[in-house]
Amino acid sequence: MSLQRVQSERGFTLLELIVVCALIGIMLSFSVPSLRMTLFSDPLKSTARNLIGLVNGVRELAVRHQQPYLLHISEAEKRIWYEMEKSNEEEKREDRRGQELVLPETVNISGMWIGGVESSEDQKVIWISKQGYIQRTRIRIEDKDGKHLNIQFFPFLDSVTVAE
């Protein structure tokens, strides 16, 4: 009777349950961080990352092409774009995707210091040399909740500091 009872009560072994739990744990360890980034992304911090990437990319372009570049920052239009300092008409007509950063609706540029002096103009221009050097520049971005980040670029260093 006990032999018949064991065959009718089928189940999973402890080893099978451990393997399934381990597989679920491995899958969650890969999926949860990516879900967290999409659900809880901060537009202020992502704008700071995009701005740093754009400026560093322009510095690399200046070195690669051995041409000075101009980085334009417009507070009113809430966008940042770049162009070669001496560009001809053919280069101006080329596709300009990737050459500008448009800020999200919730993020504004609230201040900018170039060479230690606060700039009060609406549209500012930063010159980047053909060696990739940039004036010491600090850009303050702020979101609608009043949180702000200060992004500082150094002339001879590739490093950037971000402070709250």
N, C-alpha and C. Protein backbone atom coordinates (compact mmCIF):
# COMPACT_ATOMS: atom_id res chain seq x y z
N MET A 1 0.81 -1.19 0.00
CA MET A 1 0.00 0.00 0.00
C MET A 1 0.86 1.26 0.00
N SER A 2 1.99 1.27 0.69
CA SER A 2 2.85 2.44 0.71
C SER A 2 3.53 2.65 -0.64
N LEU A 3 3.83 1.56 -1.35
CA LEU A 3 4.44 1.68 -2.68
C LEU A 3 3.45 2.32 -3.65
N GLN A 4 2.19 1.92 -3.53
CA GLN A 4 1.17 2.49 -4.41
C GLN A 4 0.93 3.97 -4.07
N ARG A 5 1.04 4.35 -2.83
CA ARG A 5 0.83 5.73 -2.39
C ARG A 5 1.94 6.64 -2.92
N VAL A 6 3.18 6.19 -2.95
CA VAL A 6 4.31 6.98 -3.42
C VAL A 6 4.18 7.27 -4.91
N GLN A 7 3.73 6.27 -5.69
CA GLN A 7 3.60 6.47 -7.12
C GLN A 7 2.47 7.44 -7.46
N SER A 8 1.42 7.49 -6.67
CA SER A 8 0.31 8.39 -6.96
C SER A 8 0.61 9.82 -6.54
N GLU A 9 1.49 10.02 -5.59
CA GLU A 9 1.85 11.37 -5.14
C GLU A 9 3.16 11.79 -5.80
N ARG A 10 3.06 12.29 -6.99
CA ARG A 10 4.25 12.71 -7.72
C ARG A 10 4.53 14.18 -7.39
N GLY A 11 5.78 14.55 -7.37
CA GLY A 11 6.18 15.92 -7.08
C GLY A 11 7.58 16.19 -7.60
N PHE A 12 8.10 17.33 -7.24
CA PHE A 12 9.44 17.71 -7.67
C PHE A 12 10.44 17.39 -6.58
N THR A 13 11.62 17.07 -6.98
CA THR A 13 12.67 16.80 -6.00
C THR A 13 13.27 18.12 -5.53
N LEU A 14 13.98 18.07 -4.45
CA LEU A 14 14.61 19.26 -3.90
C LEU A 14 15.64 19.83 -4.88
N LEU A 15 16.34 19.00 -5.56
CA LEU A 15 17.34 19.44 -6.54
C LEU A 15 16.67 20.21 -7.69
N GLU A 16 15.55 19.72 -8.18
CA GLU A 16 14.84 20.42 -9.25
C GLU A 16 14.36 21.79 -8.79
N LEU A 17 13.86 21.88 -7.58
CA LEU A 17 13.39 23.16 -7.05
C LEU A 17 14.55 24.15 -6.89
N ILE A 18 15.70 23.67 -6.45
CA ILE A 18 16.86 24.54 -6.29
C ILE A 18 17.33 25.07 -7.64
N VAL A 19 17.34 24.21 -8.65
CA VAL A 19 17.77 24.63 -9.99
C VAL A 19 16.81 25.69 -10.54
N VAL A 20 15.52 25.49 -10.38
CA VAL A 20 14.54 26.46 -10.88
C VAL A 20 14.69 27.80 -10.16
N CYS A 21 14.86 27.77 -8.83
CA CYS A 21 15.05 29.02 -8.08
C CYS A 21 16.33 29.73 -8.49
N ALA A 22 17.38 28.98 -8.75
CA ALA A 22 18.64 29.59 -9.20
C ALA A 22 18.47 30.24 -10.57
N LEU A 23 17.77 29.59 -11.47
CA LEU A 23 17.53 30.17 -12.80
C LEU A 23 16.69 31.44 -12.72
N ILE A 24 15.68 31.43 -11.87
CA ILE A 24 14.86 32.63 -11.68
C ILE A 24 15.70 33.76 -11.10
N GLY A 25 16.56 33.45 -10.15
CA GLY A 25 17.44 34.46 -9.56
C GLY A 25 18.39 35.06 -10.57
N ILE A 26 18.95 34.23 -11.43
CA ILE A 26 19.87 34.72 -12.46
C ILE A 26 19.13 35.62 -13.44
N MET A 27 17.94 35.23 -13.85
CA MET A 27 17.17 36.05 -14.79
C MET A 27 16.79 37.39 -14.16
N LEU A 28 16.40 37.39 -12.89
CA LEU A 28 16.05 38.64 -12.22
C LEU A 28 17.26 39.55 -12.05
N SER A 29 18.41 38.97 -11.80
CA SER A 29 19.61 39.81 -11.61
C SER A 29 19.96 40.56 -12.90
N PHE A 30 19.60 40.03 -14.06
CA PHE A 30 19.85 40.73 -15.32
C PHE A 30 18.72 41.70 -15.67
N SER A 31 17.50 41.38 -15.33
CA SER A 31 16.38 42.21 -15.77
C SER A 31 16.04 43.35 -14.83
N VAL A 32 16.22 43.20 -13.54
CA VAL A 32 15.82 44.24 -12.59
C VAL A 32 16.61 45.54 -12.77
N PRO A 33 17.95 45.51 -12.94
CA PRO A 33 18.64 46.79 -13.13
C PRO A 33 18.18 47.55 -14.37
N SER A 34 17.90 46.85 -15.45
CA SER A 34 17.44 47.55 -16.65
C SER A 34 16.03 48.09 -16.46
N LEU A 35 15.19 47.38 -15.75
CA LEU A 35 13.85 47.88 -15.45
C LEU A 35 13.93 49.09 -14.54
N ARG A 36 14.83 49.04 -13.57
CA ARG A 36 14.96 50.15 -12.64
C ARG A 36 15.39 51.41 -13.38
N MET A 37 16.29 51.26 -14.35
CA MET A 37 16.77 52.42 -15.09
C MET A 37 15.65 53.04 -15.93
N THR A 38 14.77 52.22 -16.48
CA THR A 38 13.70 52.78 -17.30
C THR A 38 12.59 53.36 -16.45
N LEU A 39 12.33 52.78 -15.29
CA LEU A 39 11.24 53.26 -14.46
C LEU A 39 11.64 54.48 -13.63
N PHE A 40 12.87 54.54 -13.20
CA PHE A 40 13.28 55.58 -12.27
C PHE A 40 14.38 56.47 -12.84
N SER A 41 14.36 56.71 -14.13
CA SER A 41 15.41 57.55 -14.72
C SER A 41 15.14 59.01 -14.37
N ASP A 42 16.19 59.71 -14.03
CA ASP A 42 16.12 61.11 -13.65
C ASP A 42 16.50 61.96 -14.86
N PRO A 43 15.59 62.80 -15.36
CA PRO A 43 15.92 63.59 -16.55
C PRO A 43 17.09 64.54 -16.32
N LEU A 44 17.28 65.02 -15.09
CA LEU A 44 18.38 65.93 -14.81
C LEU A 44 19.72 65.22 -14.96
N LYS A 45 19.83 64.04 -14.39
CA LYS A 45 21.08 63.29 -14.47
C LYS A 45 21.34 62.77 -15.88
N SER A 46 20.30 62.36 -16.58
CA SER A 46 20.51 61.89 -17.95
C SER A 46 20.90 63.05 -18.87
N THR A 47 20.36 64.25 -18.61
CA THR A 47 20.77 65.42 -19.38
C THR A 47 22.24 65.74 -19.12
N ALA A 48 22.66 65.62 -17.86
CA ALA A 48 24.07 65.86 -17.53
C ALA A 48 24.97 64.86 -18.25
N ARG A 49 24.57 63.59 -18.27
CA ARG A 49 25.37 62.57 -18.97
C ARG A 49 25.44 62.87 -20.47
N ASN A 50 24.30 63.25 -21.05
CA ASN A 50 24.27 63.57 -22.49
C ASN A 50 25.13 64.80 -22.81
N LEU A 51 25.08 65.80 -21.94
CA LEU A 51 25.87 67.01 -22.14
C LEU A 51 27.37 66.71 -22.06
N ILE A 52 27.76 65.92 -21.08
CA ILE A 52 29.17 65.53 -20.95
C ILE A 52 29.61 64.74 -22.18
N GLY A 53 28.77 63.83 -22.63
CA GLY A 53 29.10 63.05 -23.82
C GLY A 53 29.24 63.91 -25.06
N LEU A 54 28.36 64.89 -25.22
CA LEU A 54 28.42 65.78 -26.38
C LEU A 54 29.70 66.61 -26.36
N VAL A 55 30.02 67.21 -25.22
CA VAL A 55 31.21 68.06 -25.14
C VAL A 55 32.47 67.23 -25.35
N ASN A 56 32.55 66.07 -24.72
CA ASN A 56 33.73 65.22 -24.92
C ASN A 56 33.83 64.74 -26.37
N GLY A 57 32.70 64.48 -26.99
CA GLY A 57 32.69 64.08 -28.40
C GLY A 57 33.20 65.18 -29.31
N VAL A 58 32.81 66.42 -29.02
CA VAL A 58 33.27 67.55 -29.83
C VAL A 58 34.78 67.76 -29.63
N ARG A 59 35.24 67.58 -28.41
CA ARG A 59 36.69 67.71 -28.16
C ARG A 59 37.46 66.65 -28.95
N GLU A 60 36.94 65.45 -29.01
CA GLU A 60 37.59 64.39 -29.79
C GLU A 60 37.54 64.69 -31.29
N LEU A 61 36.42 65.24 -31.75
CA LEU A 61 36.32 65.63 -33.17
C LEU A 61 37.35 66.69 -33.53
N ALA A 62 37.54 67.66 -32.63
CA ALA A 62 38.50 68.72 -32.89
C ALA A 62 39.91 68.15 -33.04
N VAL A 63 40.25 67.19 -32.19
CA VAL A 63 41.57 66.58 -32.28
C VAL A 63 41.68 65.74 -33.54
N ARG A 64 40.66 64.97 -33.85
CA ARG A 64 40.70 64.09 -35.01
C ARG A 64 40.80 64.87 -36.32
N HIS A 65 40.02 65.94 -36.45
CA HIS A 65 40.01 66.72 -37.70
C HIS A 65 41.04 67.84 -37.70
N GLN A 66 41.69 68.08 -36.56
CA GLN A 66 42.65 69.17 -36.42
C GLN A 66 42.04 70.50 -36.86
N GLN A 67 40.79 70.72 -36.39
CA GLN A 67 40.06 71.95 -36.68
C GLN A 67 39.40 72.43 -35.39
N PRO A 68 39.39 73.74 -35.14
CA PRO A 68 38.67 74.23 -33.98
C PRO A 68 37.16 74.12 -34.20
N TYR A 69 36.44 73.90 -33.11
CA TYR A 69 34.99 73.79 -33.16
C TYR A 69 34.37 74.85 -32.27
N LEU A 70 33.13 75.18 -32.56
CA LEU A 70 32.35 76.09 -31.73
C LEU A 70 31.19 75.32 -31.12
N LEU A 71 31.03 75.45 -29.82
CA LEU A 71 29.93 74.82 -29.11
C LEU A 71 28.95 75.92 -28.73
N HIS A 72 27.76 75.88 -29.28
CA HIS A 72 26.74 76.90 -29.04
C HIS A 72 25.77 76.39 -27.97
N ILE A 73 25.46 77.27 -27.02
CA ILE A 73 24.52 76.91 -25.96
C ILE A 73 23.46 78.01 -25.91
N SER A 74 22.21 77.64 -26.15
CA SER A 74 21.11 78.60 -26.14
C SER A 74 20.16 78.26 -25.00
N GLU A 75 20.05 79.19 -24.05
CA GLU A 75 19.14 78.97 -22.92
C GLU A 75 17.68 79.09 -23.37
N ALA A 76 17.39 80.01 -24.27
CA ALA A 76 16.01 80.23 -24.71
C ALA A 76 15.49 79.04 -25.50
N GLU A 77 16.31 78.51 -26.41
CA GLU A 77 15.88 77.38 -27.23
C GLU A 77 16.06 76.05 -26.51
N LYS A 78 16.78 76.06 -25.38
CA LYS A 78 17.05 74.85 -24.60
C LYS A 78 17.74 73.79 -25.46
N ARG A 79 18.76 74.22 -26.17
CA ARG A 79 19.50 73.27 -26.99
C ARG A 79 20.97 73.65 -27.04
N ILE A 80 21.79 72.65 -27.32
CA ILE A 80 23.23 72.80 -27.41
C ILE A 80 23.66 72.13 -28.71
N TRP A 81 24.44 72.82 -29.52
CA TRP A 81 24.88 72.24 -30.78
C TRP A 81 26.31 72.70 -31.06
N TYR A 82 26.92 72.06 -32.03
CA TYR A 82 28.30 72.41 -32.37
C TYR A 82 28.46 72.48 -33.88
N GLU A 83 29.53 73.16 -34.28
CA GLU A 83 29.89 73.25 -35.68
C GLU A 83 31.38 73.55 -35.78
N MET A 84 31.94 73.26 -36.93
CA MET A 84 33.34 73.58 -37.18
C MET A 84 33.48 75.09 -37.28
N GLU A 85 34.56 75.62 -36.76
CA GLU A 85 34.73 77.08 -36.77
C GLU A 85 34.77 77.62 -38.19
N LYS A 86 35.53 77.00 -39.05
CA LYS A 86 35.62 77.42 -40.45
C LYS A 86 35.04 76.31 -41.30
N SER A 87 33.76 76.38 -41.56
CA SER A 87 33.14 75.32 -42.36
C SER A 87 32.62 75.93 -43.66
N ASN A 88 32.74 75.16 -44.72
CA ASN A 88 32.27 75.64 -46.02
C ASN A 88 30.82 75.22 -46.22
N GLU A 89 30.25 75.61 -47.34
CA GLU A 89 28.83 75.36 -47.58
C GLU A 89 28.51 73.87 -47.69
N GLU A 90 29.42 73.07 -48.24
CA GLU A 90 29.15 71.63 -48.37
C GLU A 90 29.00 70.98 -47.00
N GLU A 91 29.87 71.35 -46.07
CA GLU A 91 29.80 70.77 -44.74
C GLU A 91 28.55 71.22 -44.01
N LYS A 92 28.09 72.44 -44.28
CA LYS A 92 26.88 72.93 -43.63
C LYS A 92 25.65 72.17 -44.10
N ARG A 93 25.68 71.68 -45.35
CA ARG A 93 24.52 70.97 -45.88
C ARG A 93 24.48 69.51 -45.46
N GLU A 94 25.56 69.01 -44.88
CA GLU A 94 25.58 67.61 -44.48
C GLU A 94 24.53 67.36 -43.39
N ASP A 95 24.21 66.10 -43.22
CA ASP A 95 23.24 65.70 -42.21
C ASP A 95 23.75 66.09 -40.82
N ARG A 96 22.93 66.75 -40.05
CA ARG A 96 23.36 67.26 -38.76
C ARG A 96 22.82 66.46 -37.58
N ARG A 97 22.35 65.25 -37.83
CA ARG A 97 21.90 64.43 -36.71
C ARG A 97 23.07 64.13 -35.79
N GLY A 98 22.85 64.17 -34.51
CA GLY A 98 23.90 63.88 -33.56
C GLY A 98 24.74 65.09 -33.22
N GLN A 99 24.49 66.23 -33.88
CA GLN A 99 25.27 67.42 -33.62
C GLN A 99 24.59 68.35 -32.64
N GLU A 100 23.47 67.97 -32.10
CA GLU A 100 22.82 68.84 -31.13
C GLU A 100 22.17 68.04 -30.03
N LEU A 101 21.98 68.71 -28.92
CA LEU A 101 21.32 68.13 -27.76
C LEU A 101 20.18 69.05 -27.38
N VAL A 102 18.97 68.54 -27.42
CA VAL A 102 17.79 69.32 -27.03
C VAL A 102 17.43 68.89 -25.62
N LEU A 103 17.33 69.87 -24.73
CA LEU A 103 17.04 69.56 -23.33
C LEU A 103 15.58 69.18 -23.15
N PRO A 104 15.28 68.28 -22.21
CA PRO A 104 13.88 67.93 -21.94
C PRO A 104 13.11 69.15 -21.41
N GLU A 105 11.81 69.06 -21.46
CA GLU A 105 10.96 70.16 -21.00
C GLU A 105 11.19 70.50 -19.54
N THR A 106 11.55 69.51 -18.73
CA THR A 106 11.68 69.72 -17.29
C THR A 106 13.05 70.24 -16.87
N VAL A 107 13.98 70.36 -17.81
CA VAL A 107 15.35 70.76 -17.47
C VAL A 107 15.69 72.08 -18.17
N ASN A 108 16.31 73.00 -17.41
CA ASN A 108 16.74 74.29 -17.95
C ASN A 108 18.20 74.53 -17.64
N ILE A 109 18.84 75.36 -18.45
CA ILE A 109 20.18 75.84 -18.13
C ILE A 109 19.99 77.09 -17.29
N SER A 110 20.41 77.05 -16.03
CA SER A 110 20.15 78.18 -15.14
C SER A 110 21.37 79.07 -14.94
N GLY A 111 22.51 78.69 -15.44
CA GLY A 111 23.69 79.54 -15.31
C GLY A 111 24.86 78.95 -16.05
N MET A 112 25.79 79.85 -16.41
CA MET A 112 26.97 79.38 -17.13
C MET A 112 28.12 80.33 -16.86
N TRP A 113 29.26 79.74 -16.54
CA TRP A 113 30.46 80.50 -16.27
C TRP A 113 31.55 80.03 -17.23
N ILE A 114 32.10 80.97 -17.97
CA ILE A 114 33.17 80.65 -18.93
C ILE A 114 34.40 81.43 -18.48
N GLY A 115 35.46 80.70 -18.17
CA GLY A 115 36.68 81.34 -17.70
C GLY A 115 36.51 82.04 -16.37
N GLY A 116 35.59 81.58 -15.53
CA GLY A 116 35.38 82.17 -14.21
C GLY A 116 34.43 83.34 -14.20
N VAL A 117 33.95 83.77 -15.36
CA VAL A 117 33.04 84.91 -15.45
C VAL A 117 31.66 84.41 -15.86
N GLU A 118 30.64 84.86 -15.11
CA GLU A 118 29.28 84.43 -15.44
C GLU A 118 28.83 85.11 -16.72
N SER A 119 28.28 84.32 -17.60
CA SER A 119 27.81 84.82 -18.89
C SER A 119 26.32 85.11 -18.78
N SER A 120 25.92 86.32 -19.22
CA SER A 120 24.52 86.70 -19.12
C SER A 120 23.81 86.69 -20.47
N GLU A 121 24.53 86.36 -21.53
CA GLU A 121 23.93 86.32 -22.86
C GLU A 121 23.03 85.11 -22.98
N ASP A 122 22.03 85.22 -23.87
CA ASP A 122 21.13 84.09 -24.09
C ASP A 122 21.83 82.96 -24.83
N GLN A 123 22.57 83.31 -25.85
CA GLN A 123 23.30 82.29 -26.62
C GLN A 123 24.79 82.48 -26.38
N LYS A 124 25.41 81.43 -25.87
CA LYS A 124 26.83 81.47 -25.56
C LYS A 124 27.59 80.58 -26.53
N VAL A 125 28.82 80.94 -26.80
CA VAL A 125 29.67 80.17 -27.70
C VAL A 125 30.95 79.83 -26.96
N ILE A 126 31.28 78.55 -26.97
CA ILE A 126 32.53 78.08 -26.36
C ILE A 126 33.42 77.61 -27.50
N TRP A 127 34.64 78.11 -27.50
CA TRP A 127 35.60 77.74 -28.54
C TRP A 127 36.40 76.54 -28.06
N ILE A 128 36.51 75.52 -28.90
CA ILE A 128 37.30 74.33 -28.60
C ILE A 128 38.43 74.28 -29.62
N SER A 129 39.66 74.26 -29.12
CA SER A 129 40.83 74.33 -30.01
C SER A 129 41.03 73.01 -30.74
N LYS A 130 41.92 73.05 -31.73
CA LYS A 130 42.17 71.84 -32.51
C LYS A 130 42.92 70.79 -31.70
N GLN A 131 43.45 71.16 -30.54
CA GLN A 131 44.06 70.18 -29.63
C GLN A 131 43.03 69.61 -28.65
N GLY A 132 41.79 70.09 -28.73
CA GLY A 132 40.74 69.62 -27.84
C GLY A 132 40.65 70.40 -26.54
N TYR A 133 41.36 71.51 -26.45
CA TYR A 133 41.32 72.32 -25.23
C TYR A 133 40.06 73.17 -25.24
N ILE A 134 39.52 73.36 -24.06
CA ILE A 134 38.30 74.14 -23.89
C ILE A 134 38.54 75.11 -22.74
N GLN A 135 37.89 76.26 -22.79
CA GLN A 135 38.00 77.17 -21.65
C GLN A 135 37.37 76.51 -20.43
N ARG A 136 37.86 76.90 -19.26
CA ARG A 136 37.26 76.37 -18.03
C ARG A 136 35.81 76.84 -18.01
N THR A 137 34.93 75.87 -18.04
CA THR A 137 33.50 76.16 -18.20
C THR A 137 32.71 75.42 -17.14
N ARG A 138 31.74 76.13 -16.56
CA ARG A 138 30.83 75.49 -15.62
C ARG A 138 29.40 75.79 -16.08
N ILE A 139 28.63 74.74 -16.22
CA ILE A 139 27.24 74.86 -16.67
C ILE A 139 26.35 74.34 -15.55
N ARG A 140 25.35 75.13 -15.20
CA ARG A 140 24.41 74.75 -14.14
C ARG A 140 23.08 74.42 -14.80
N ILE A 141 22.63 73.18 -14.61
CA ILE A 141 21.31 72.79 -15.13
C ILE A 141 20.40 72.53 -13.94
N GLU A 142 19.12 72.82 -14.14
CA GLU A 142 18.16 72.75 -13.05
C GLU A 142 16.86 72.15 -13.58
N ASP A 143 16.19 71.36 -12.74
CA ASP A 143 14.90 70.81 -13.16
C ASP A 143 13.77 71.59 -12.53
N LYS A 144 12.54 71.21 -12.86
CA LYS A 144 11.37 71.97 -12.40
C LYS A 144 11.16 71.87 -10.89
N ASP A 145 11.77 70.87 -10.24
CA ASP A 145 11.64 70.72 -8.79
C ASP A 145 12.67 71.54 -8.02
N GLY A 146 13.56 72.22 -8.72
CA GLY A 146 14.57 73.03 -8.07
C GLY A 146 15.89 72.32 -7.83
N LYS A 147 15.98 71.04 -8.17
CA LYS A 147 17.26 70.34 -8.04
C LYS A 147 18.18 70.83 -9.15
N HIS A 148 19.47 70.91 -8.84
CA HIS A 148 20.40 71.40 -9.85
C HIS A 148 21.69 70.60 -9.82
N LEU A 149 22.40 70.64 -10.93
CA LEU A 149 23.72 70.02 -11.07
C LEU A 149 24.65 71.03 -11.71
N ASN A 150 25.87 71.10 -11.20
CA ASN A 150 26.92 71.93 -11.79
C ASN A 150 27.90 71.01 -12.50
N ILE A 151 28.08 71.24 -13.78
CA ILE A 151 28.98 70.43 -14.60
C ILE A 151 30.16 71.32 -14.96
N GLN A 152 31.37 70.89 -14.59
CA GLN A 152 32.55 71.70 -14.83
C GLN A 152 33.52 70.98 -15.74
N PHE A 153 33.91 71.69 -16.81
CA PHE A 153 34.88 71.18 -17.77
C PHE A 153 36.20 71.92 -17.56
N PHE A 154 37.30 71.18 -17.64
CA PHE A 154 38.62 71.75 -17.42
C PHE A 154 39.38 71.85 -18.74
N PRO A 155 40.24 72.87 -18.88
CA PRO A 155 40.89 73.11 -20.17
C PRO A 155 41.78 71.97 -20.65
N PHE A 156 42.65 71.46 -19.80
CA PHE A 156 43.65 70.51 -20.27
C PHE A 156 43.36 69.08 -19.83
N LEU A 157 42.28 68.86 -19.15
CA LEU A 157 41.95 67.53 -18.64
C LEU A 157 40.71 67.01 -19.33
N ASP A 158 40.66 65.71 -19.51
CA ASP A 158 39.45 65.10 -20.05
C ASP A 158 38.40 64.88 -18.97
N SER A 159 38.80 65.04 -17.71
CA SER A 159 37.87 64.76 -16.62
C SER A 159 36.86 65.90 -16.48
N VAL A 160 35.71 65.54 -16.00
CA VAL A 160 34.61 66.47 -15.79
C VAL A 160 34.11 66.25 -14.37
N THR A 161 33.81 67.33 -13.66
CA THR A 161 33.24 67.17 -12.33
C THR A 161 31.77 67.55 -12.38
N VAL A 162 30.99 66.78 -11.65
CA VAL A 162 29.56 67.04 -11.53
C VAL A 162 29.26 67.17 -10.05
N ALA A 163 28.70 68.31 -9.64
CA ALA A 163 28.38 68.54 -8.24
C ALA A 163 26.93 68.99 -8.13
N GLU A 164 26.32 68.62 -7.02
CA GLU A 164 24.92 69.02 -6.80
C GLU A 164 24.85 70.36 -6.13
